N, C-alpha and C. Protein backbone atom coordinates (compact mmCIF):
# COMPACT_ATOMS: atom_id res chain seq x y z
N MET A 1 96.80 -66.17 71.48
CA MET A 1 96.32 -65.55 70.24
C MET A 1 97.42 -64.69 69.64
N GLU A 2 97.62 -64.77 68.35
CA GLU A 2 98.68 -64.05 67.67
C GLU A 2 98.30 -62.59 67.54
N ARG A 3 99.27 -61.73 67.81
CA ARG A 3 99.02 -60.30 67.74
C ARG A 3 98.99 -59.81 66.31
N VAL A 4 97.99 -58.99 65.99
CA VAL A 4 97.92 -58.38 64.66
C VAL A 4 97.66 -56.90 64.86
N SER A 5 97.86 -56.13 63.81
CA SER A 5 97.60 -54.68 63.91
C SER A 5 96.09 -54.46 63.86
N GLY A 6 95.69 -53.27 64.35
CA GLY A 6 94.27 -52.94 64.33
C GLY A 6 93.72 -52.92 62.92
N ASP A 7 94.49 -52.34 61.98
CA ASP A 7 94.03 -52.28 60.59
C ASP A 7 93.86 -53.66 60.01
N GLU A 8 94.82 -54.57 60.28
CA GLU A 8 94.72 -55.92 59.75
C GLU A 8 93.49 -56.63 60.32
N GLY A 9 93.27 -56.43 61.61
CA GLY A 9 92.12 -57.08 62.24
C GLY A 9 90.82 -56.53 61.68
N ARG A 10 90.77 -55.20 61.46
CA ARG A 10 89.57 -54.59 60.91
C ARG A 10 89.32 -55.09 59.49
N ASP A 11 90.40 -55.18 58.69
CA ASP A 11 90.25 -55.70 57.33
C ASP A 11 89.78 -57.14 57.36
N SER A 12 90.30 -57.93 58.32
CA SER A 12 89.89 -59.32 58.44
C SER A 12 88.41 -59.44 58.72
N MET A 13 87.92 -58.58 59.63
CA MET A 13 86.50 -58.63 59.98
C MET A 13 85.63 -58.18 58.80
N GLN A 14 86.11 -57.16 58.07
CA GLN A 14 85.35 -56.70 56.93
C GLN A 14 85.26 -57.80 55.87
N ALA A 15 86.38 -58.52 55.69
CA ALA A 15 86.41 -59.58 54.70
C ALA A 15 85.46 -60.69 55.09
N GLN A 16 85.28 -60.91 56.38
CA GLN A 16 84.40 -61.96 56.86
C GLN A 16 82.96 -61.46 57.05
N GLY A 17 82.73 -60.19 56.77
CA GLY A 17 81.39 -59.65 56.95
C GLY A 17 81.06 -59.35 58.39
N VAL A 18 82.07 -59.09 59.21
CA VAL A 18 81.82 -58.87 60.63
C VAL A 18 81.58 -57.41 60.96
N VAL A 19 82.20 -56.50 60.21
CA VAL A 19 82.10 -55.09 60.56
C VAL A 19 81.55 -54.27 59.40
N ASP A 20 80.62 -53.38 59.71
CA ASP A 20 80.13 -52.43 58.73
C ASP A 20 79.61 -51.21 59.49
N ARG A 21 80.44 -50.14 59.56
CA ARG A 21 80.06 -48.96 60.32
C ARG A 21 79.59 -47.84 59.38
N ALA A 22 79.20 -48.20 58.17
CA ALA A 22 78.86 -47.17 57.18
C ALA A 22 77.78 -46.25 57.69
N ASP A 23 76.77 -46.75 58.38
CA ASP A 23 75.67 -45.92 58.86
C ASP A 23 75.76 -45.68 60.35
N GLY A 24 76.94 -45.95 60.94
CA GLY A 24 77.15 -45.71 62.36
C GLY A 24 76.60 -46.79 63.25
N VAL A 25 75.96 -47.77 62.69
CA VAL A 25 75.41 -48.87 63.49
C VAL A 25 76.13 -50.16 63.12
N ASP A 26 76.77 -50.75 64.09
CA ASP A 26 77.61 -51.93 63.81
C ASP A 26 76.75 -53.19 63.85
N ARG A 27 75.87 -53.30 62.86
CA ARG A 27 74.92 -54.41 62.86
C ARG A 27 75.61 -55.74 62.67
N ILE A 28 76.55 -55.82 61.74
CA ILE A 28 77.19 -57.09 61.44
C ILE A 28 78.09 -57.52 62.59
N GLU A 29 78.76 -56.55 63.20
CA GLU A 29 79.59 -56.88 64.34
C GLU A 29 78.73 -57.40 65.48
N GLN A 30 77.55 -56.82 65.66
CA GLN A 30 76.65 -57.29 66.73
C GLN A 30 76.23 -58.74 66.46
N ALA A 31 76.11 -59.11 65.19
CA ALA A 31 75.78 -60.51 64.86
C ALA A 31 76.95 -61.41 65.27
N ALA A 32 78.18 -60.93 65.03
CA ALA A 32 79.34 -61.71 65.43
C ALA A 32 79.41 -61.83 66.95
N VAL A 33 79.07 -60.75 67.65
CA VAL A 33 79.04 -60.78 69.11
C VAL A 33 78.02 -61.79 69.58
N GLY A 34 76.88 -61.83 68.91
CA GLY A 34 75.84 -62.80 69.28
C GLY A 34 76.33 -64.23 69.09
N GLU A 35 77.05 -64.47 68.02
CA GLU A 35 77.58 -65.81 67.77
C GLU A 35 78.63 -66.16 68.79
N ALA A 36 79.50 -65.18 69.12
CA ALA A 36 80.53 -65.42 70.15
C ALA A 36 79.88 -65.66 71.51
N ARG A 37 78.81 -64.93 71.79
CA ARG A 37 78.08 -65.11 73.06
C ARG A 37 77.54 -66.53 73.18
N ALA A 38 77.18 -67.10 72.03
CA ALA A 38 76.61 -68.45 72.01
C ALA A 38 77.72 -69.52 72.03
N GLY A 39 78.99 -69.09 72.05
CA GLY A 39 80.06 -70.05 72.16
C GLY A 39 80.87 -70.26 70.91
N ASP A 40 80.63 -69.47 69.87
CA ASP A 40 81.37 -69.61 68.62
C ASP A 40 82.76 -69.02 68.78
N VAL A 41 83.78 -69.87 68.88
CA VAL A 41 85.14 -69.40 69.11
C VAL A 41 85.68 -68.63 67.91
N ALA A 42 85.31 -69.06 66.70
CA ALA A 42 85.77 -68.37 65.50
C ALA A 42 85.27 -66.94 65.45
N ALA A 43 84.03 -66.74 65.89
CA ALA A 43 83.46 -65.39 65.90
C ALA A 43 84.20 -64.51 66.90
N PHE A 44 84.51 -65.05 68.04
CA PHE A 44 85.26 -64.27 69.02
C PHE A 44 86.69 -63.99 68.52
N ALA A 45 87.27 -64.95 67.84
CA ALA A 45 88.61 -64.75 67.27
C ALA A 45 88.61 -63.58 66.27
N ALA A 46 87.53 -63.45 65.51
CA ALA A 46 87.43 -62.33 64.56
C ALA A 46 87.33 -60.99 65.30
N LEU A 47 86.58 -61.00 66.41
CA LEU A 47 86.49 -59.80 67.23
C LEU A 47 87.85 -59.47 67.87
N PHE A 48 88.54 -60.49 68.30
CA PHE A 48 89.89 -60.30 68.85
C PHE A 48 90.82 -59.67 67.81
N ASP A 49 90.79 -60.21 66.59
CA ASP A 49 91.67 -59.69 65.52
C ASP A 49 91.38 -58.20 65.26
N ALA A 50 90.12 -57.82 65.37
CA ALA A 50 89.75 -56.42 65.07
C ALA A 50 90.14 -55.47 66.18
N TYR A 51 90.06 -55.90 67.42
CA TYR A 51 90.25 -55.00 68.53
C TYR A 51 91.57 -55.16 69.28
N GLN A 52 92.31 -56.20 69.03
CA GLN A 52 93.54 -56.43 69.80
C GLN A 52 94.53 -55.29 69.64
N GLY A 53 94.72 -54.80 68.42
CA GLY A 53 95.64 -53.71 68.15
C GLY A 53 95.23 -52.42 68.87
N PRO A 54 93.99 -51.93 68.65
CA PRO A 54 93.55 -50.70 69.32
C PRO A 54 93.55 -50.81 70.83
N ILE A 55 93.15 -51.95 71.37
CA ILE A 55 93.13 -52.12 72.83
C ILE A 55 94.55 -52.06 73.39
N THR A 56 95.48 -52.74 72.71
CA THR A 56 96.87 -52.74 73.19
C THR A 56 97.45 -51.32 73.11
N SER A 57 97.17 -50.60 72.04
CA SER A 57 97.65 -49.22 71.88
C SER A 57 97.09 -48.34 72.99
N TYR A 58 95.81 -48.49 73.28
CA TYR A 58 95.16 -47.72 74.35
C TYR A 58 95.82 -48.01 75.70
N LEU A 59 96.06 -49.26 75.99
CA LEU A 59 96.67 -49.65 77.25
C LEU A 59 98.13 -49.18 77.34
N TYR A 60 98.82 -49.18 76.21
CA TYR A 60 100.19 -48.67 76.23
C TYR A 60 100.22 -47.20 76.59
N ARG A 61 99.29 -46.43 76.05
CA ARG A 61 99.24 -45.00 76.35
C ARG A 61 98.89 -44.78 77.83
N LEU A 62 98.14 -45.70 78.43
CA LEU A 62 97.78 -45.55 79.84
C LEU A 62 98.90 -46.00 80.77
N THR A 63 99.70 -46.97 80.35
CA THR A 63 100.71 -47.54 81.25
C THR A 63 102.13 -47.12 80.90
N GLY A 64 102.40 -46.79 79.65
CA GLY A 64 103.74 -46.44 79.23
C GLY A 64 104.68 -47.61 79.08
N SER A 65 104.13 -48.84 79.15
CA SER A 65 104.96 -50.05 79.04
C SER A 65 104.36 -50.96 77.98
N ARG A 66 105.16 -51.32 76.99
CA ARG A 66 104.68 -52.23 75.95
C ARG A 66 104.37 -53.60 76.53
N GLU A 67 105.24 -54.10 77.39
CA GLU A 67 105.03 -55.42 77.95
C GLU A 67 103.77 -55.44 78.81
N THR A 68 103.57 -54.40 79.62
CA THR A 68 102.37 -54.33 80.44
C THR A 68 101.12 -54.22 79.58
N ALA A 69 101.20 -53.43 78.53
CA ALA A 69 100.04 -53.28 77.64
C ALA A 69 99.69 -54.61 77.00
N ASP A 70 100.68 -55.36 76.56
CA ASP A 70 100.41 -56.69 75.98
C ASP A 70 99.74 -57.59 76.99
N ASP A 71 100.26 -57.60 78.22
CA ASP A 71 99.70 -58.46 79.26
C ASP A 71 98.27 -58.07 79.59
N LEU A 72 98.03 -56.77 79.74
CA LEU A 72 96.70 -56.30 80.09
C LEU A 72 95.71 -56.52 78.94
N ALA A 73 96.19 -56.42 77.71
CA ALA A 73 95.31 -56.68 76.57
C ALA A 73 94.88 -58.16 76.57
N GLN A 74 95.84 -59.05 76.78
CA GLN A 74 95.48 -60.47 76.87
C GLN A 74 94.47 -60.72 77.96
N GLU A 75 94.69 -60.09 79.12
CA GLU A 75 93.79 -60.23 80.25
C GLU A 75 92.40 -59.68 79.90
N THR A 76 92.37 -58.57 79.16
CA THR A 76 91.10 -57.97 78.74
C THR A 76 90.29 -58.94 77.92
N PHE A 77 90.92 -59.59 76.95
CA PHE A 77 90.19 -60.51 76.06
C PHE A 77 89.81 -61.80 76.77
N ILE A 78 90.62 -62.24 77.69
CA ILE A 78 90.27 -63.42 78.46
C ILE A 78 89.03 -63.15 79.30
N ARG A 79 89.02 -61.97 79.97
CA ARG A 79 87.87 -61.60 80.77
C ARG A 79 86.62 -61.43 79.92
N ALA A 80 86.82 -60.83 78.73
CA ALA A 80 85.67 -60.61 77.83
C ALA A 80 85.11 -61.95 77.35
N PHE A 81 85.98 -62.87 77.01
CA PHE A 81 85.54 -64.18 76.52
C PHE A 81 84.73 -64.92 77.61
N ARG A 82 85.21 -64.82 78.83
CA ARG A 82 84.53 -65.50 79.93
C ARG A 82 83.19 -64.87 80.30
N ALA A 83 83.11 -63.54 80.13
CA ALA A 83 81.92 -62.83 80.59
C ALA A 83 80.88 -62.60 79.50
N LEU A 84 81.28 -62.78 78.25
CA LEU A 84 80.40 -62.41 77.14
C LEU A 84 79.06 -63.14 77.18
N GLY A 85 79.05 -64.39 77.61
CA GLY A 85 77.82 -65.16 77.65
C GLY A 85 76.78 -64.62 78.61
N LYS A 86 77.20 -63.73 79.51
CA LYS A 86 76.28 -63.18 80.52
C LYS A 86 75.81 -61.77 80.15
N THR A 87 76.20 -61.29 78.97
CA THR A 87 75.85 -59.93 78.59
C THR A 87 74.51 -59.87 77.87
N PRO A 88 73.85 -58.70 77.85
CA PRO A 88 72.55 -58.57 77.16
C PRO A 88 72.72 -58.53 75.66
N ASP A 89 71.64 -58.79 74.95
CA ASP A 89 71.69 -58.82 73.49
C ASP A 89 72.02 -57.46 72.88
N ASP A 90 71.66 -56.37 73.58
CA ASP A 90 71.91 -55.03 73.01
C ASP A 90 73.24 -54.46 73.47
N LEU A 91 74.17 -55.31 73.86
CA LEU A 91 75.47 -54.87 74.35
C LEU A 91 76.21 -54.02 73.31
N ASN A 92 76.75 -52.89 73.74
CA ASN A 92 77.68 -52.11 72.91
C ASN A 92 79.06 -52.74 73.16
N PHE A 93 79.46 -53.64 72.27
CA PHE A 93 80.64 -54.44 72.51
C PHE A 93 81.89 -53.57 72.65
N ARG A 94 82.03 -52.59 71.77
CA ARG A 94 83.23 -51.75 71.79
C ARG A 94 83.38 -51.03 73.13
N ALA A 95 82.31 -50.37 73.59
CA ALA A 95 82.38 -49.65 74.86
C ALA A 95 82.62 -50.61 76.00
N TRP A 96 81.97 -51.77 75.97
CA TRP A 96 82.13 -52.77 77.02
C TRP A 96 83.56 -53.27 77.08
N LEU A 97 84.16 -53.52 75.92
CA LEU A 97 85.54 -54.02 75.88
C LEU A 97 86.51 -52.98 76.42
N TYR A 98 86.29 -51.72 76.07
CA TYR A 98 87.17 -50.67 76.58
C TYR A 98 86.96 -50.46 78.09
N ARG A 99 85.77 -50.75 78.59
CA ARG A 99 85.56 -50.67 80.04
C ARG A 99 86.41 -51.71 80.75
N ILE A 100 86.43 -52.91 80.22
CA ILE A 100 87.25 -53.98 80.80
C ILE A 100 88.73 -53.58 80.78
N ALA A 101 89.18 -53.04 79.64
CA ALA A 101 90.57 -52.60 79.54
C ALA A 101 90.88 -51.47 80.51
N THR A 102 89.96 -50.51 80.61
CA THR A 102 90.17 -49.38 81.51
C THR A 102 90.27 -49.85 82.95
N ASN A 103 89.38 -50.77 83.34
CA ASN A 103 89.42 -51.31 84.71
C ASN A 103 90.73 -52.04 84.96
N GLY A 104 91.19 -52.77 83.96
CA GLY A 104 92.46 -53.48 84.10
C GLY A 104 93.62 -52.54 84.30
N ALA A 105 93.62 -51.44 83.54
CA ALA A 105 94.69 -50.44 83.67
C ALA A 105 94.61 -49.77 85.04
N ALA A 106 93.41 -49.48 85.51
CA ALA A 106 93.24 -48.86 86.82
C ALA A 106 93.78 -49.77 87.93
N SER A 107 93.49 -51.04 87.83
CA SER A 107 93.99 -52.01 88.83
C SER A 107 95.52 -52.07 88.80
N TRP A 108 96.07 -52.02 87.57
CA TRP A 108 97.52 -52.04 87.43
C TRP A 108 98.15 -50.82 88.10
N HIS A 109 97.54 -49.65 87.89
CA HIS A 109 98.06 -48.43 88.51
C HIS A 109 97.97 -48.52 90.04
N ARG A 110 96.91 -49.10 90.56
CA ARG A 110 96.82 -49.26 92.01
C ARG A 110 97.92 -50.16 92.54
N ARG A 111 98.19 -51.23 91.81
CA ARG A 111 99.28 -52.13 92.23
C ARG A 111 100.62 -51.43 92.17
N GLN A 112 100.81 -50.59 91.12
CA GLN A 112 102.08 -49.86 91.00
C GLN A 112 102.30 -48.91 92.16
N ARG A 113 101.23 -48.26 92.61
CA ARG A 113 101.35 -47.32 93.73
C ARG A 113 101.78 -48.06 95.00
N LEU A 114 101.33 -49.30 95.14
CA LEU A 114 101.71 -50.09 96.30
C LEU A 114 103.19 -50.48 96.26
N LEU A 115 103.76 -50.49 95.05
CA LEU A 115 105.15 -50.94 94.89
C LEU A 115 106.15 -49.80 94.78
N THR A 116 105.67 -48.56 94.82
CA THR A 116 106.57 -47.45 94.57
C THR A 116 107.65 -47.29 95.63
N TRP A 117 107.46 -47.87 96.81
CA TRP A 117 108.47 -47.74 97.85
C TRP A 117 109.70 -48.59 97.58
N LEU A 118 109.61 -49.56 96.66
CA LEU A 118 110.74 -50.46 96.41
C LEU A 118 111.92 -49.65 95.85
N PRO A 119 113.11 -49.79 96.42
CA PRO A 119 114.26 -48.98 95.99
C PRO A 119 114.73 -49.29 94.58
N PHE A 120 114.38 -50.50 94.07
CA PHE A 120 114.86 -50.84 92.76
C PHE A 120 113.81 -50.62 91.67
N ASN A 121 112.71 -49.96 92.03
CA ASN A 121 111.67 -49.68 91.06
C ASN A 121 112.20 -48.70 90.01
N ARG A 122 111.95 -48.96 88.75
CA ARG A 122 112.42 -48.08 87.69
C ARG A 122 111.41 -48.07 86.56
N GLY A 123 111.57 -47.09 85.67
CA GLY A 123 110.64 -46.94 84.58
C GLY A 123 110.83 -47.98 83.50
N ASP A 124 109.92 -47.96 82.54
CA ASP A 124 109.99 -48.93 81.44
C ASP A 124 111.18 -48.62 80.55
N ASP A 125 111.90 -49.66 80.13
CA ASP A 125 113.06 -49.50 79.25
C ASP A 125 112.93 -50.47 78.11
N SER A 126 111.72 -50.48 77.50
CA SER A 126 111.43 -51.50 76.48
C SER A 126 111.59 -50.99 75.07
N GLY A 127 112.31 -49.85 74.90
CA GLY A 127 112.48 -49.32 73.56
C GLY A 127 113.26 -50.27 72.66
N THR A 128 113.01 -50.20 71.37
CA THR A 128 113.68 -51.05 70.41
C THR A 128 114.50 -50.16 69.48
N PRO A 129 115.50 -50.73 68.77
CA PRO A 129 116.30 -49.93 67.86
C PRO A 129 115.46 -49.21 66.83
N GLU A 130 114.33 -49.81 66.45
CA GLU A 130 113.50 -49.16 65.43
C GLU A 130 112.90 -47.86 65.94
N ASP A 131 112.81 -47.72 67.30
CA ASP A 131 112.23 -46.51 67.85
C ASP A 131 113.21 -45.34 67.90
N GLU A 132 114.50 -45.60 67.66
CA GLU A 132 115.48 -44.53 67.76
C GLU A 132 115.32 -43.53 66.61
N PRO A 133 115.45 -42.25 66.89
CA PRO A 133 115.24 -41.24 65.86
C PRO A 133 116.28 -41.25 64.76
N GLY A 134 117.47 -41.78 65.04
CA GLY A 134 118.49 -41.83 64.00
C GLY A 134 118.93 -40.42 63.60
N ASN A 135 119.18 -40.25 62.33
CA ASN A 135 119.69 -38.95 61.87
C ASN A 135 118.62 -38.10 61.20
N ASP A 136 117.38 -38.55 61.23
CA ASP A 136 116.30 -37.81 60.58
C ASP A 136 115.69 -36.85 61.58
N PRO A 137 115.90 -35.54 61.42
CA PRO A 137 115.37 -34.58 62.41
C PRO A 137 113.85 -34.57 62.46
N ARG A 138 113.19 -34.85 61.32
CA ARG A 138 111.73 -34.88 61.34
C ARG A 138 111.21 -36.04 62.15
N LEU A 139 111.86 -37.20 62.01
CA LEU A 139 111.47 -38.35 62.81
C LEU A 139 111.75 -38.10 64.28
N ALA A 140 112.88 -37.49 64.56
CA ALA A 140 113.23 -37.19 65.96
C ALA A 140 112.20 -36.27 66.58
N GLU A 141 111.75 -35.27 65.81
CA GLU A 141 110.73 -34.34 66.30
C GLU A 141 109.42 -35.06 66.56
N THR A 142 109.06 -35.97 65.64
CA THR A 142 107.83 -36.72 65.81
C THR A 142 107.86 -37.58 67.07
N LEU A 143 108.97 -38.28 67.28
CA LEU A 143 109.10 -39.14 68.43
C LEU A 143 109.14 -38.32 69.72
N ALA A 144 109.77 -37.15 69.67
CA ALA A 144 109.80 -36.28 70.84
C ALA A 144 108.40 -35.80 71.17
N GLU A 145 107.61 -35.49 70.16
CA GLU A 145 106.22 -35.07 70.39
C GLU A 145 105.41 -36.19 71.00
N ARG A 146 105.59 -37.42 70.50
CA ARG A 146 104.86 -38.56 71.07
C ARG A 146 105.22 -38.75 72.51
N GLU A 147 106.53 -38.63 72.84
CA GLU A 147 106.96 -38.82 74.22
C GLU A 147 106.40 -37.71 75.11
N LEU A 148 106.33 -36.49 74.57
CA LEU A 148 105.78 -35.38 75.34
C LEU A 148 104.30 -35.63 75.65
N ILE A 149 103.56 -36.11 74.65
CA ILE A 149 102.15 -36.42 74.88
C ILE A 149 101.99 -37.54 75.88
N ALA A 150 102.83 -38.59 75.76
CA ALA A 150 102.78 -39.70 76.69
C ALA A 150 103.08 -39.23 78.11
N ALA A 151 104.08 -38.34 78.26
CA ALA A 151 104.43 -37.81 79.57
C ALA A 151 103.28 -36.97 80.14
N THR A 152 102.60 -36.23 79.26
CA THR A 152 101.47 -35.42 79.70
C THR A 152 100.33 -36.30 80.20
N LEU A 153 100.06 -37.37 79.47
CA LEU A 153 98.99 -38.29 79.89
C LEU A 153 99.33 -38.93 81.23
N ARG A 154 100.59 -39.28 81.43
CA ARG A 154 100.98 -39.84 82.71
C ARG A 154 100.84 -38.82 83.83
N ARG A 155 101.11 -37.56 83.52
CA ARG A 155 101.04 -36.52 84.56
C ARG A 155 99.59 -36.27 84.99
N ILE A 156 98.65 -36.29 84.06
CA ILE A 156 97.26 -35.98 84.45
C ILE A 156 96.58 -37.17 85.11
N GLY A 157 97.18 -38.36 84.99
CA GLY A 157 96.64 -39.53 85.68
C GLY A 157 95.71 -40.37 84.82
N PRO A 158 95.54 -41.64 85.18
CA PRO A 158 94.76 -42.57 84.34
C PRO A 158 93.28 -42.22 84.22
N LYS A 159 92.71 -41.60 85.25
CA LYS A 159 91.28 -41.29 85.21
C LYS A 159 90.97 -40.30 84.09
N GLN A 160 91.71 -39.22 84.04
CA GLN A 160 91.48 -38.22 82.99
C GLN A 160 92.08 -38.66 81.66
N ALA A 161 93.21 -39.37 81.70
CA ALA A 161 93.83 -39.83 80.46
C ALA A 161 92.91 -40.80 79.74
N SER A 162 92.23 -41.67 80.48
CA SER A 162 91.31 -42.62 79.87
C SER A 162 90.21 -41.91 79.09
N ALA A 163 89.64 -40.88 79.72
CA ALA A 163 88.56 -40.15 79.07
C ALA A 163 89.05 -39.51 77.76
N LEU A 164 90.22 -38.87 77.79
CA LEU A 164 90.75 -38.22 76.58
C LEU A 164 91.07 -39.23 75.48
N LEU A 165 91.70 -40.32 75.86
CA LEU A 165 92.08 -41.33 74.85
C LEU A 165 90.85 -41.96 74.21
N LEU A 166 89.86 -42.29 75.00
CA LEU A 166 88.66 -42.93 74.46
C LEU A 166 87.94 -41.98 73.50
N ARG A 167 87.82 -40.72 73.90
CA ARG A 167 87.02 -39.76 73.10
C ARG A 167 87.81 -39.22 71.91
N HIS A 168 89.06 -38.81 72.13
CA HIS A 168 89.77 -38.09 71.06
C HIS A 168 90.72 -38.96 70.26
N HIS A 169 91.34 -39.96 70.89
CA HIS A 169 92.27 -40.82 70.15
C HIS A 169 91.53 -41.99 69.49
N LEU A 170 90.67 -42.62 70.23
CA LEU A 170 89.93 -43.77 69.70
C LEU A 170 88.61 -43.40 69.05
N ARG A 171 88.21 -42.14 69.21
CA ARG A 171 87.01 -41.60 68.52
C ARG A 171 85.71 -42.27 68.96
N LEU A 172 85.63 -42.69 70.21
CA LEU A 172 84.36 -43.18 70.72
C LEU A 172 83.43 -41.99 70.90
N THR A 173 82.12 -42.21 70.80
CA THR A 173 81.16 -41.15 71.07
C THR A 173 81.19 -40.84 72.56
N VAL A 174 80.55 -39.75 72.94
CA VAL A 174 80.46 -39.40 74.35
C VAL A 174 79.73 -40.52 75.12
N GLU A 175 78.67 -41.05 74.49
CA GLU A 175 77.91 -42.11 75.13
C GLU A 175 78.76 -43.38 75.30
N GLU A 176 79.55 -43.72 74.28
CA GLU A 176 80.41 -44.89 74.37
C GLU A 176 81.52 -44.65 75.37
N THR A 177 82.05 -43.45 75.40
CA THR A 177 83.07 -43.12 76.39
C THR A 177 82.53 -43.28 77.80
N ALA A 178 81.30 -42.78 78.01
CA ALA A 178 80.67 -42.91 79.33
C ALA A 178 80.48 -44.38 79.69
N ALA A 179 80.03 -45.16 78.73
CA ALA A 179 79.83 -46.60 78.99
C ALA A 179 81.14 -47.29 79.31
N ALA A 180 82.20 -46.92 78.57
CA ALA A 180 83.51 -47.54 78.81
C ALA A 180 84.05 -47.19 80.19
N LEU A 181 83.69 -45.99 80.69
CA LEU A 181 84.17 -45.55 81.99
C LEU A 181 83.18 -45.86 83.10
N ASP A 182 82.03 -46.42 82.72
CA ASP A 182 80.98 -46.79 83.68
C ASP A 182 80.45 -45.59 84.42
N ILE A 183 80.21 -44.51 83.67
CA ILE A 183 79.61 -43.29 84.20
C ILE A 183 78.52 -42.85 83.24
N ASN A 184 77.69 -41.86 83.65
CA ASN A 184 76.66 -41.40 82.73
C ASN A 184 77.24 -40.34 81.78
N ALA A 185 76.47 -39.99 80.77
CA ALA A 185 76.97 -39.11 79.69
C ALA A 185 77.30 -37.72 80.23
N ASN A 186 76.48 -37.18 81.14
CA ASN A 186 76.76 -35.84 81.68
C ASN A 186 78.05 -35.83 82.46
N THR A 187 78.27 -36.88 83.27
CA THR A 187 79.52 -36.98 84.03
C THR A 187 80.69 -37.09 83.09
N ALA A 188 80.51 -37.84 81.99
CA ALA A 188 81.60 -37.98 81.02
C ALA A 188 81.94 -36.63 80.39
N LYS A 189 80.92 -35.81 80.09
CA LYS A 189 81.20 -34.49 79.51
C LYS A 189 81.98 -33.62 80.46
N VAL A 190 81.62 -33.65 81.74
CA VAL A 190 82.33 -32.87 82.76
C VAL A 190 83.78 -33.36 82.88
N ARG A 191 83.94 -34.70 82.90
CA ARG A 191 85.29 -35.25 83.04
C ARG A 191 86.13 -34.90 81.81
N LEU A 192 85.55 -34.93 80.63
CA LEU A 192 86.29 -34.58 79.43
C LEU A 192 86.71 -33.10 79.46
N PHE A 193 85.80 -32.24 79.90
CA PHE A 193 86.13 -30.81 79.99
C PHE A 193 87.31 -30.60 80.95
N ARG A 194 87.26 -31.23 82.11
CA ARG A 194 88.34 -31.09 83.07
C ARG A 194 89.63 -31.74 82.57
N ALA A 195 89.49 -32.87 81.88
CA ALA A 195 90.66 -33.56 81.38
C ALA A 195 91.36 -32.76 80.30
N ARG A 196 90.58 -32.10 79.41
CA ARG A 196 91.18 -31.26 78.39
C ARG A 196 91.98 -30.12 79.03
N LYS A 197 91.39 -29.48 80.04
CA LYS A 197 92.08 -28.39 80.69
C LYS A 197 93.35 -28.89 81.39
N ALA A 198 93.24 -30.02 82.08
CA ALA A 198 94.40 -30.60 82.77
C ALA A 198 95.50 -30.95 81.76
N PHE A 199 95.08 -31.51 80.61
CA PHE A 199 96.07 -31.88 79.59
C PHE A 199 96.79 -30.65 79.05
N ILE A 200 96.03 -29.61 78.73
CA ILE A 200 96.64 -28.40 78.16
C ILE A 200 97.60 -27.79 79.16
N ASP A 201 97.20 -27.72 80.43
CA ASP A 201 98.06 -27.15 81.46
C ASP A 201 99.35 -27.98 81.62
N ALA A 202 99.18 -29.30 81.69
CA ALA A 202 100.35 -30.17 81.87
C ALA A 202 101.24 -30.15 80.65
N TYR A 203 100.62 -30.17 79.47
CA TYR A 203 101.41 -30.14 78.22
C TYR A 203 102.22 -28.85 78.13
N SER A 204 101.59 -27.73 78.48
CA SER A 204 102.29 -26.44 78.42
C SER A 204 103.46 -26.40 79.38
N ALA A 205 103.24 -26.97 80.59
CA ALA A 205 104.30 -27.00 81.58
C ALA A 205 105.50 -27.83 81.11
N LEU A 206 105.21 -28.97 80.50
CA LEU A 206 106.27 -29.86 80.01
C LEU A 206 106.93 -29.31 78.74
N ASN A 207 106.18 -28.44 78.06
CA ASN A 207 106.62 -27.95 76.77
C ASN A 207 107.36 -26.63 76.86
N ASP A 208 107.64 -26.17 78.09
CA ASP A 208 108.24 -24.84 78.27
C ASP A 208 109.56 -24.68 77.50
N ASP A 209 110.30 -25.76 77.40
CA ASP A 209 111.62 -25.67 76.77
C ASP A 209 111.56 -25.81 75.26
N ARG A 210 110.36 -26.04 74.73
CA ARG A 210 110.24 -26.22 73.29
C ARG A 210 109.62 -25.00 72.65
N THR A 211 110.03 -24.66 71.43
CA THR A 211 109.46 -23.52 70.71
C THR A 211 109.15 -23.95 69.29
N PRO A 212 108.04 -23.49 68.70
CA PRO A 212 107.02 -22.70 69.37
C PRO A 212 106.17 -23.57 70.29
N THR A 213 105.49 -22.96 71.25
CA THR A 213 104.63 -23.71 72.15
C THR A 213 103.31 -23.99 71.46
N THR A 214 102.98 -25.27 71.41
CA THR A 214 101.74 -25.66 70.75
C THR A 214 101.05 -26.72 71.61
N THR A 215 99.76 -26.92 71.34
CA THR A 215 99.00 -27.96 71.99
C THR A 215 98.36 -28.81 70.91
N PRO A 216 98.37 -30.15 71.02
CA PRO A 216 97.77 -31.00 69.99
C PRO A 216 96.35 -30.55 69.66
N ARG A 217 96.05 -30.40 68.38
CA ARG A 217 94.75 -29.91 67.96
C ARG A 217 93.61 -30.79 68.41
N GLU A 218 93.83 -32.11 68.45
CA GLU A 218 92.73 -33.03 68.79
C GLU A 218 92.27 -32.88 70.22
N VAL A 219 93.09 -32.27 71.09
CA VAL A 219 92.70 -32.07 72.48
C VAL A 219 92.10 -30.69 72.68
N GLN A 220 92.40 -29.76 71.77
CA GLN A 220 91.86 -28.41 71.91
C GLN A 220 90.37 -28.36 71.67
N SER A 221 89.85 -29.26 70.84
CA SER A 221 88.45 -29.20 70.47
C SER A 221 87.58 -29.72 71.58
């Protein structure tokens, strides 16, 4: 499947009448999920176009590797396609899809821990020339901030990072976040509280050499 951006996929679904979140209820998308559940490949392709970008971005933030994120995203959609026919009619597709992605990232992290003893193990080096800050100090500052946030997420670990990304970056509700993590809503609230504190502590520790010291507003709330 060809990779598209999240915005392009969302626009594609809106053009086809697949998505309408105006009242907070994704009725049209649920219709597309129903068609995909019945074996309609075109309907699933529309869902793929809408979610491939956000899912890949989410996985990149969890793994720190573009190549790994691409691979895990493809695996996520393959698993979703194979399992969709067994899901209930009232499935929250978005939360379910993020649960598959989260589980995939967790499995990847477990495999990485098993390989950490290898002497030639090294970090991701998949940067492209377009990522270089160049001579623009504002761009350099933005990229440095992104790297600091990414480093903070890696420091607090995938369990807490997943909760923060789902709730604050991807804007899932608490209930959807809980469903994506396969926990109940109260447990999700506790995990989010602890994850916010862990993030702020880790961010502050990594940010000691930067002035002024700040914490991303979206995590403070």
